[in-house]
Every structure is written in C-alpha cells, then in structure tokens.
Amino acid sequence: MEEQKIKQDISIGANIRRIRTEKKIRQVELVRLLQLEGVEMSRETLVKIERGKQHIRATQLRAIRDALGTTYDELLAER
C-alpha cells in the first residue's frame, strides 16, 4: 500500500521553512536529522516541499514535526 501524500493547499512548506529558520536549522541539518530517524529525504526534496512544488508524505511530516520540535497545528496553520 502506498503511503498517503498530503496536498500543499495550506502552506505546509512555507511553515516548515519559517519554523526551520526561526530555530536556525539549515536545510542540510534538517535532512540529516530526518535520515537519522530513517526517513529518506534529500536536500532537493526538502527544497521542493518548502516551495510547495512537491507533496509531503505523512511519515515525512511526522519526522519534520519531531525534528523541529513543533506541532501539527503549527505546521498546518494557514498564514
């Protein structure tokens, strides 16, 4: 069964970028943290997600939430 992808109607990518930069975490650092948790992601994929060019998978969203120490509410908030 294929993993569910989450559409980027709400600005998930922009929220990820905002939270990441507020916490002074570089893209490569976030990708490294995700890979340590067993979530396959490249920096290029993260860039596409942050720009809203690629759907994010549920496992990626969960891992990003944990790595950034934030909540789903923060990640899914409309701004």
PDB file of N, CA and C in Angstrom:
ATOM      1  N   MET A   1       0.846  -1.179   0.000  1.00  0.00           N
ATOM      2  CA  MET A   1       0.000   0.000   0.000  1.00  0.00           C
ATOM      3  C   MET A   1       0.895   1.248   0.000  1.00  0.00           C
ATOM      4  N   GLU A   2       0.577   2.191  -0.875  1.00  0.00           N
ATOM      5  CA  GLU A   2       1.374   3.411  -0.972  1.00  0.00           C
ATOM      6  C   GLU A   2       1.022   4.367   0.158  1.00  0.00           C
ATOM      7  N   GLU A   3       2.048   5.037   0.642  1.00  0.00           N
ATOM      8  CA  GLU A   3       1.855   5.968   1.745  1.00  0.00           C
ATOM      9  C   GLU A   3       1.082   7.194   1.286  1.00  0.00           C
ATOM     10  N   GLN A   4       0.268   7.712   2.175  1.00  0.00           N
ATOM     11  CA  GLN A   4      -0.553   8.880   1.869  1.00  0.00           C
ATOM     12  C   GLN A   4       0.306  10.125   1.694  1.00  0.00           C
ATOM     13  N   LYS A   5      -0.015  10.880   0.650  1.00  0.00           N
ATOM     14  CA  LYS A   5       0.651  12.163   0.424  1.00  0.00           C
ATOM     15  C   LYS A   5      -0.312  13.262   0.843  1.00  0.00           C
ATOM     16  N   ILE A   6       0.233  14.339   1.346  1.00  0.00           N
ATOM     17  CA  ILE A   6      -0.588  15.445   1.826  1.00  0.00           C
ATOM     18  C   ILE A   6      -0.457  16.596   0.848  1.00  0.00           C
ATOM     19  N   LYS A   7      -1.589  17.048   0.313  1.00  0.00           N
ATOM     20  CA  LYS A   7      -1.568  18.167  -0.627  1.00  0.00           C
ATOM     21  C   LYS A   7      -1.105  19.427   0.074  1.00  0.00           C
ATOM     22  N   GLN A   8      -0.517  20.323  -0.694  1.00  0.00           N
ATOM     23  CA  GLN A   8       0.005  21.555  -0.122  1.00  0.00           C
ATOM     24  C   GLN A   8      -0.941  22.730  -0.360  1.00  0.00           C
ATOM     25  N   ASP A   9      -2.258  22.512  -0.159  1.00  0.00           N
ATOM     26  CA  ASP A   9      -3.205  23.622  -0.318  1.00  0.00           C
ATOM     27  C   ASP A   9      -2.904  24.677   0.748  1.00  0.00           C
ATOM     28  N   ILE A  10      -2.682  24.199   1.946  1.00  0.00           N
ATOM     29  CA  ILE A  10      -2.267  25.103   3.010  1.00  0.00           C
ATOM     30  C   ILE A  10      -0.753  25.148   2.939  1.00  0.00           C
ATOM     31  N   SER A  11      -0.184  26.195   3.408  1.00  0.00           N
ATOM     32  CA  SER A  11       1.241  26.430   3.180  1.00  0.00           C
ATOM     33  C   SER A  11       2.135  25.639   4.137  1.00  0.00           C
ATOM     34  N   ILE A  12       2.071  24.316   4.034  1.00  0.00           N
ATOM     35  CA  ILE A  12       2.895  23.462   4.882  1.00  0.00           C
ATOM     36  C   ILE A  12       4.372  23.772   4.644  1.00  0.00           C
ATOM     37  N   GLY A  13       4.759  23.846   3.384  1.00  0.00           N
ATOM     38  CA  GLY A  13       6.158  24.097   3.048  1.00  0.00           C
ATOM     39  C   GLY A  13       6.665  25.413   3.605  1.00  0.00           C
ATOM     40  N   ALA A  14       5.858  26.456   3.461  1.00  0.00           N
ATOM     41  CA  ALA A  14       6.245  27.775   3.983  1.00  0.00           C
ATOM     42  C   ALA A  14       6.356  27.731   5.507  1.00  0.00           C
ATOM     43  N   ASN A  15       5.456  26.989   6.146  1.00  0.00           N
ATOM     44  CA  ASN A  15       5.514  26.857   7.601  1.00  0.00           C
ATOM     45  C   ASN A  15       6.768  26.101   8.033  1.00  0.00           C
ATOM     46  N   ILE A  16       7.110  25.046   7.288  1.00  0.00           N
ATOM     47  CA  ILE A  16       8.332  24.297   7.600  1.00  0.00           C
ATOM     48  C   ILE A  16       9.535  25.227   7.493  1.00  0.00           C
ATOM     49  N   ARG A  17       9.609  25.981   6.401  1.00  0.00           N
ATOM     50  CA  ARG A  17      10.738  26.893   6.205  1.00  0.00           C
ATOM     51  C   ARG A  17      10.809  27.939   7.321  1.00  0.00           C
ATOM     52  N   ARG A  18       9.654  28.524   7.674  1.00  0.00           N
ATOM     53  CA  ARG A  18       9.625  29.565   8.705  1.00  0.00           C
ATOM     54  C   ARG A  18      10.102  29.012  10.048  1.00  0.00           C
ATOM     55  N   ILE A  19       9.554  27.867  10.446  1.00  0.00           N
ATOM     56  CA  ILE A  19       9.925  27.275  11.731  1.00  0.00           C
ATOM     57  C   ILE A  19      11.404  26.879  11.721  1.00  0.00           C
ATOM     58  N   ARG A  20      11.849  26.303  10.607  1.00  0.00           N
ATOM     59  CA  ARG A  20      13.244  25.874  10.498  1.00  0.00           C
ATOM     60  C   ARG A  20      14.193  27.068  10.627  1.00  0.00           C
ATOM     61  N   THR A  21      13.876  28.163   9.947  1.00  0.00           N
ATOM     62  CA  THR A  21      14.764  29.331  10.007  1.00  0.00           C
ATOM     63  C   THR A  21      14.689  30.016  11.376  1.00  0.00           C
ATOM     64  N   GLU A  22      13.509  30.025  11.984  1.00  0.00           N
ATOM     65  CA  GLU A  22      13.385  30.599  13.337  1.00  0.00           C
ATOM     66  C   GLU A  22      14.266  29.844  14.328  1.00  0.00           C
ATOM     67  N   LYS A  23      14.388  28.534  14.116  1.00  0.00           N
ATOM     68  CA  LYS A  23      15.205  27.708  15.012  1.00  0.00           C
ATOM     69  C   LYS A  23      16.657  27.630  14.550  1.00  0.00           C
ATOM     70  N   LYS A  24      16.965  28.386  13.476  1.00  0.00           N
ATOM     71  CA  LYS A  24      18.334  28.453  12.935  1.00  0.00           C
ATOM     72  C   LYS A  24      18.875  27.067  12.560  1.00  0.00           C
ATOM     73  N   ILE A  25      18.018  26.284  11.903  1.00  0.00           N
ATOM     74  CA  ILE A  25      18.407  24.960  11.416  1.00  0.00           C
ATOM     75  C   ILE A  25      18.526  25.052   9.897  1.00  0.00           C
ATOM     76  N   ARG A  26      19.687  24.698   9.380  1.00  0.00           N
ATOM     77  CA  ARG A  26      19.887  24.721   7.930  1.00  0.00           C
ATOM     78  C   ARG A  26      19.202  23.511   7.295  1.00  0.00           C
ATOM     79  N   GLN A  27      18.929  23.621   5.995  1.00  0.00           N
ATOM     80  CA  GLN A  27      18.259  22.526   5.291  1.00  0.00           C
ATOM     81  C   GLN A  27      19.043  21.227   5.413  1.00  0.00           C
ATOM     82  N   VAL A  28      20.358  21.297   5.216  1.00  0.00           N
ATOM     83  CA  VAL A  28      21.156  20.068   5.290  1.00  0.00           C
ATOM     84  C   VAL A  28      21.110  19.458   6.684  1.00  0.00           C
ATOM     85  N   GLU A  29      21.022  20.291   7.710  1.00  0.00           N
ATOM     86  CA  GLU A  29      20.931  19.778   9.080  1.00  0.00           C
ATOM     87  C   GLU A  29      19.608  19.058   9.294  1.00  0.00           C
ATOM     88  N   LEU A  30      18.514  19.655   8.797  1.00  0.00           N
ATOM     89  CA  LEU A  30      17.200  19.029   8.946  1.00  0.00           C
ATOM     90  C   LEU A  30      17.163  17.696   8.197  1.00  0.00           C
ATOM     91  N   VAL A  31      17.696  17.681   6.993  1.00  0.00           N
ATOM     92  CA  VAL A  31      17.728  16.439   6.207  1.00  0.00           C
ATOM     93  C   VAL A  31      18.521  15.369   6.952  1.00  0.00           C
ATOM     94  N   ARG A  32      19.644  15.750   7.544  1.00  0.00           N
ATOM     95  CA  ARG A  32      20.467  14.802   8.304  1.00  0.00           C
ATOM     96  C   ARG A  32      19.679  14.234   9.486  1.00  0.00           C
ATOM     97  N   LEU A  33      18.957  15.100  10.193  1.00  0.00           N
ATOM     98  CA  LEU A  33      18.139  14.643  11.319  1.00  0.00           C
ATOM     99  C   LEU A  33      17.074  13.650  10.856  1.00  0.00           C
ATOM    100  N   LEU A  34      16.458  13.941   9.720  1.00  0.00           N
ATOM    101  CA  LEU A  34      15.421  13.047   9.189  1.00  0.00           C
ATOM    102  C   LEU A  34      16.020  11.702   8.804  1.00  0.00           C
ATOM    103  N   GLN A  35      17.176  11.741   8.157  1.00  0.00           N
ATOM    104  CA  GLN A  35      17.820  10.496   7.741  1.00  0.00           C
ATOM    105  C   GLN A  35      18.218   9.650   8.947  1.00  0.00           C
ATOM    106  N   LEU A  36      18.645  10.297  10.033  1.00  0.00           N
ATOM    107  CA  LEU A  36      18.974   9.560  11.255  1.00  0.00           C
ATOM    108  C   LEU A  36      17.753   8.848  11.828  1.00  0.00           C
ATOM    109  N   GLU A  37      16.562   9.403  11.558  1.00  0.00           N
ATOM    110  CA  GLU A  37      15.314   8.788  12.016  1.00  0.00           C
ATOM    111  C   GLU A  37      14.788   7.761  11.015  1.00  0.00           C
ATOM    112  N   GLY A  38      15.546   7.523   9.947  1.00  0.00           N
ATOM    113  CA  GLY A  38      15.154   6.518   8.956  1.00  0.00           C
ATOM    114  C   GLY A  38      14.210   7.030   7.885  1.00  0.00           C
ATOM    115  N   VAL A  39      14.070   8.357   7.776  1.00  0.00           N
ATOM    116  CA  VAL A  39      13.202   8.944   6.760  1.00  0.00           C
ATOM    117  C   VAL A  39      14.085   9.388   5.605  1.00  0.00           C
ATOM    118  N   GLU A  40      13.904   8.736   4.460  1.00  0.00           N
ATOM    119  CA  GLU A  40      14.706   9.068   3.290  1.00  0.00           C
ATOM    120  C   GLU A  40      14.256  10.401   2.707  1.00  0.00           C
ATOM    121  N   MET A  41      15.169  11.353   2.681  1.00  0.00           N
ATOM    122  CA  MET A  41      14.874  12.645   2.073  1.00  0.00           C
ATOM    123  C   MET A  41      16.197  13.291   1.687  1.00  0.00           C
ATOM    124  N   SER A  42      16.201  13.924   0.523  1.00  0.00           N
ATOM    125  CA  SER A  42      17.383  14.670   0.095  1.00  0.00           C
ATOM    126  C   SER A  42      17.113  16.158   0.312  1.00  0.00           C
ATOM    127  N   ARG A  43      18.167  16.950   0.246  1.00  0.00           N
ATOM    128  CA  ARG A  43      18.002  18.392   0.381  1.00  0.00           C
ATOM    129  C   ARG A  43      17.111  18.907  -0.744  1.00  0.00           C
ATOM    130  N   GLU A  44      17.274  18.353  -1.947  1.00  0.00           N
ATOM    131  CA  GLU A  44      16.467  18.775  -3.095  1.00  0.00           C
ATOM    132  C   GLU A  44      14.986  18.529  -2.840  1.00  0.00           C
ATOM    133  N   THR A  45      14.671  17.399  -2.225  1.00  0.00           N
ATOM    134  CA  THR A  45      13.275  17.097  -1.889  1.00  0.00           C
ATOM    135  C   THR A  45      12.746  18.099  -0.874  1.00  0.00           C
ATOM    136  N   LEU A  46      13.548  18.414   0.136  1.00  0.00           N
ATOM    137  CA  LEU A  46      13.131  19.391   1.144  1.00  0.00           C
ATOM    138  C   LEU A  46      12.877  20.751   0.500  1.00  0.00           C
ATOM    139  N   VAL A  47      13.745  21.153  -0.416  1.00  0.00           N
ATOM    140  CA  VAL A  47      13.566  22.432  -1.117  1.00  0.00           C
ATOM    141  C   VAL A  47      12.230  22.436  -1.854  1.00  0.00           C
ATOM    142  N   LYS A  48      11.924  21.354  -2.565  1.00  0.00           N
ATOM    143  CA  LYS A  48      10.659  21.258  -3.306  1.00  0.00           C
ATOM    144  C   LYS A  48       9.458  21.306  -2.369  1.00  0.00           C
ATOM    145  N   ILE A  49       9.571  20.631  -1.222  1.00  0.00           N
ATOM    146  CA  ILE A  49       8.474  20.644  -0.245  1.00  0.00           C
ATOM    147  C   ILE A  49       8.281  22.053   0.304  1.00  0.00           C
ATOM    148  N   GLU A  50       9.381  22.712   0.664  1.00  0.00           N
ATOM    149  CA  GLU A  50       9.284  24.060   1.226  1.00  0.00           C
ATOM    150  C   GLU A  50       8.707  25.049   0.214  1.00  0.00           C
ATOM    151  N   ARG A  51       8.952  24.829  -1.058  1.00  0.00           N
ATOM    152  CA  ARG A  51       8.428  25.722  -2.098  1.00  0.00           C
ATOM    153  C   ARG A  51       7.025  25.333  -2.541  1.00  0.00           C
ATOM    154  N   GLY A  52       6.495  24.234  -2.006  1.00  0.00           N
ATOM    155  CA  GLY A  52       5.153  23.792  -2.375  1.00  0.00           C
ATOM    156  C   GLY A  52       5.099  23.124  -3.731  1.00  0.00           C
ATOM    157  N   LYS A  53       6.241  22.654  -4.225  1.00  0.00           N
ATOM    158  CA  LYS A  53       6.316  22.016  -5.547  1.00  0.00           C
ATOM    159  C   LYS A  53       6.149  20.506  -5.460  1.00  0.00           C
ATOM    160  N   GLN A  54       6.225  19.959  -4.254  1.00  0.00           N
ATOM    161  CA  GLN A  54       6.121  18.514  -4.079  1.00  0.00           C
ATOM    162  C   GLN A  54       5.254  18.221  -2.866  1.00  0.00           C
ATOM    163  N   HIS A  55       4.392  17.219  -3.009  1.00  0.00           N
ATOM    164  CA  HIS A  55       3.573  16.796  -1.873  1.00  0.00           C
ATOM    165  C   HIS A  55       4.477  16.178  -0.814  1.00  0.00           C
ATOM    166  N   ILE A  56       4.064  16.310   0.417  1.00  0.00           N
ATOM    167  CA  ILE A  56       4.825  15.737   1.523  1.00  0.00           C
ATOM    168  C   ILE A  56       4.127  14.470   1.993  1.00  0.00           C
ATOM    169  N   ARG A  57       4.892  13.472   2.306  1.00  0.00           N
ATOM    170  CA  ARG A  57       4.332  12.208   2.800  1.00  0.00           C
ATOM    171  C   ARG A  57       4.070  12.328   4.309  1.00  0.00           C
ATOM    172  N   ALA A  58       3.123  11.543   4.772  1.00  0.00           N
ATOM    173  CA  ALA A  58       2.750  11.595   6.187  1.00  0.00           C
ATOM    174  C   ALA A  58       3.944  11.302   7.092  1.00  0.00           C
ATOM    175  N   THR A  59       4.776  10.312   6.717  1.00  0.00           N
ATOM    176  CA  THR A  59       5.950   9.989   7.551  1.00  0.00           C
ATOM    177  C   THR A  59       6.958  11.131   7.542  1.00  0.00           C
ATOM    178  N   GLN A  60       7.080  11.820   6.410  1.00  0.00           N
ATOM    179  CA  GLN A  60       7.995  12.963   6.339  1.00  0.00           C
ATOM    180  C   GLN A  60       7.505  14.091   7.238  1.00  0.00           C
ATOM    181  N   LEU A  61       6.205  14.357   7.194  1.00  0.00           N
ATOM    182  CA  LEU A  61       5.627  15.420   8.014  1.00  0.00           C
ATOM    183  C   LEU A  61       5.823  15.115   9.500  1.00  0.00           C
ATOM    184  N   ARG A  62       5.568  13.872   9.883  1.00  0.00           N
ATOM    185  CA  ARG A  62       5.744  13.472  11.278  1.00  0.00           C
ATOM    186  C   ARG A  62       7.205  13.643  11.703  1.00  0.00           C
ATOM    187  N   ALA A  63       8.136  13.216  10.862  1.00  0.00           N
ATOM    188  CA  ALA A  63       9.559  13.320  11.198  1.00  0.00           C
ATOM    189  C   ALA A  63      10.008  14.774  11.264  1.00  0.00           C
ATOM    190  N   ILE A  64       9.502  15.605  10.365  1.00  0.00           N
ATOM    191  CA  ILE A  64       9.843  17.035  10.382  1.00  0.00           C
ATOM    192  C   ILE A  64       9.297  17.677  11.650  1.00  0.00           C
ATOM    193  N   ARG A  65       8.074  17.327  11.998  1.00  0.00           N
ATOM    194  CA  ARG A  65       7.477  17.843  13.242  1.00  0.00           C
ATOM    195  C   ARG A  65       8.369  17.514  14.432  1.00  0.00           C
ATOM    196  N   ASP A  66       8.809  16.264  14.512  1.00  0.00           N
ATOM    197  CA  ASP A  66       9.640  15.835  15.638  1.00  0.00           C
ATOM    198  C   ASP A  66      11.009  16.512  15.609  1.00  0.00           C
ATOM    199  N   ALA A  67      11.616  16.580  14.425  1.00  0.00           N
ATOM    200  CA  ALA A  67      12.961  17.169  14.295  1.00  0.00           C
ATOM    201  C   ALA A  67      12.949  18.655  14.637  1.00  0.00           C
ATOM    202  N   LEU A  68      11.865  19.344  14.282  1.00  0.00           N
ATOM    203  CA  LEU A  68      11.776  20.776  14.555  1.00  0.00           C
ATOM    204  C   LEU A  68      11.200  21.064  15.944  1.00  0.00           C
ATOM    205  N   GLY A  69      10.742  20.026  16.629  1.00  0.00           N
ATOM    206  CA  GLY A  69      10.176  20.204  17.962  1.00  0.00           C
ATOM    207  C   GLY A  69       8.950  21.103  17.937  1.00  0.00           C
ATOM    208  N   THR A  70       8.087  20.859  16.963  1.00  0.00           N
ATOM    209  CA  THR A  70       6.889  21.688  16.805  1.00  0.00           C
ATOM    210  C   THR A  70       5.649  20.801  16.822  1.00  0.00           C
ATOM    211  N   THR A  71       4.519  21.365  16.435  1.00  0.00           N
ATOM    212  CA  THR A  71       3.250  20.627  16.444  1.00  0.00           C
ATOM    213  C   THR A  71       2.651  20.579  15.038  1.00  0.00           C
ATOM    214  N   TYR A  72       1.719  19.658  14.851  1.00  0.00           N
ATOM    215  CA  TYR A  72       0.989  19.625  13.572  1.00  0.00           C
ATOM    216  C   TYR A  72       0.229  20.935  13.365  1.00  0.00           C
ATOM    217  N   ASP A  73      -0.327  21.473  14.443  1.00  0.00           N
ATOM    218  CA  ASP A  73      -1.073  22.735  14.337  1.00  0.00           C
ATOM    219  C   ASP A  73      -0.196  23.829  13.730  1.00  0.00           C
ATOM    220  N   GLU A  74       1.049  23.922  14.205  1.00  0.00           N
ATOM    221  CA  GLU A  74       1.985  24.920  13.695  1.00  0.00           C
ATOM    222  C   GLU A  74       2.308  24.660  12.230  1.00  0.00           C
ATOM    223  N   LEU A  75       2.536  23.388  11.887  1.00  0.00           N
ATOM    224  CA  LEU A  75       2.916  23.045  10.514  1.00  0.00           C
ATOM    225  C   LEU A  75       1.757  23.246   9.534  1.00  0.00           C
ATOM    226  N   LEU A  76       0.529  23.029  10.000  1.00  0.00           N
ATOM    227  CA  LEU A  76      -0.629  23.082   9.113  1.00  0.00           C
ATOM    228  C   LEU A  76      -1.377  24.412   9.172  1.00  0.00           C
ATOM    229  N   ALA A  77      -0.875  25.339   9.973  1.00  0.00           N
ATOM    230  CA  ALA A  77      -1.567  26.632  10.134  1.00  0.00           C
ATOM    231  C   ALA A  77      -1.576  27.416   8.836  1.00  0.00           C
ATOM    232  N   GLU A  78      -2.693  28.059   8.575  1.00  0.00           N
ATOM    233  CA  GLU A  78      -2.782  28.950   7.411  1.00  0.00           C
ATOM    234  C   GLU A  78      -2.263  30.304   7.822  1.00  0.00           C
ATOM    235  N   ARG A  79      -1.435  30.873   6.992  1.00  0.00           N
ATOM    236  CA  ARG A  79      -0.855  32.185   7.308  1.00  0.00           C
ATOM    237  C   ARG A  79      -1.157  33.166   6.222  1.00  0.00           C
TER     238      ARG A  79
END
